[in-house]
């Protein structure tokens, strides 16, 4: 279980976690809270209280899943994650290797290769070092 709290400047802090997994979990929560706070402070009118559990909102009944059409009968579900930072990772559909991840962007593996520095190059091209 991760530990969190608010620091002296009302910052969400995770320093009480000594275990790596707990700290990563807390950092994920911290990033989420920070981003939500930032978004709401920029435009408070975007907050819609009708979507609160307290007022009876049930996402299982009210929300629909975004479905990507199956390709050649493959199951429709995200099966890989992409991103280099724990707080910015996201799931994606690899389609059995047809879609790959290069640092923080997905790409068509039939058309591109991923270089060690995160650049994409046309399939078969060499990754050149930038000076």
Foldseek 3Di string as FASTA:
>chain_A
DFDWDADPVRQIDRVVDPDPVNSLVSVLVSLVVVVVVVVCVVPVVPDDVCCDVVVPHDCVPVPDDDWDDDDPPDDTDFDDWAADRSNLIDTDRCNVPQWDYQHHDIDGPQFWDHDPVRDIDGPPDDDDDDD
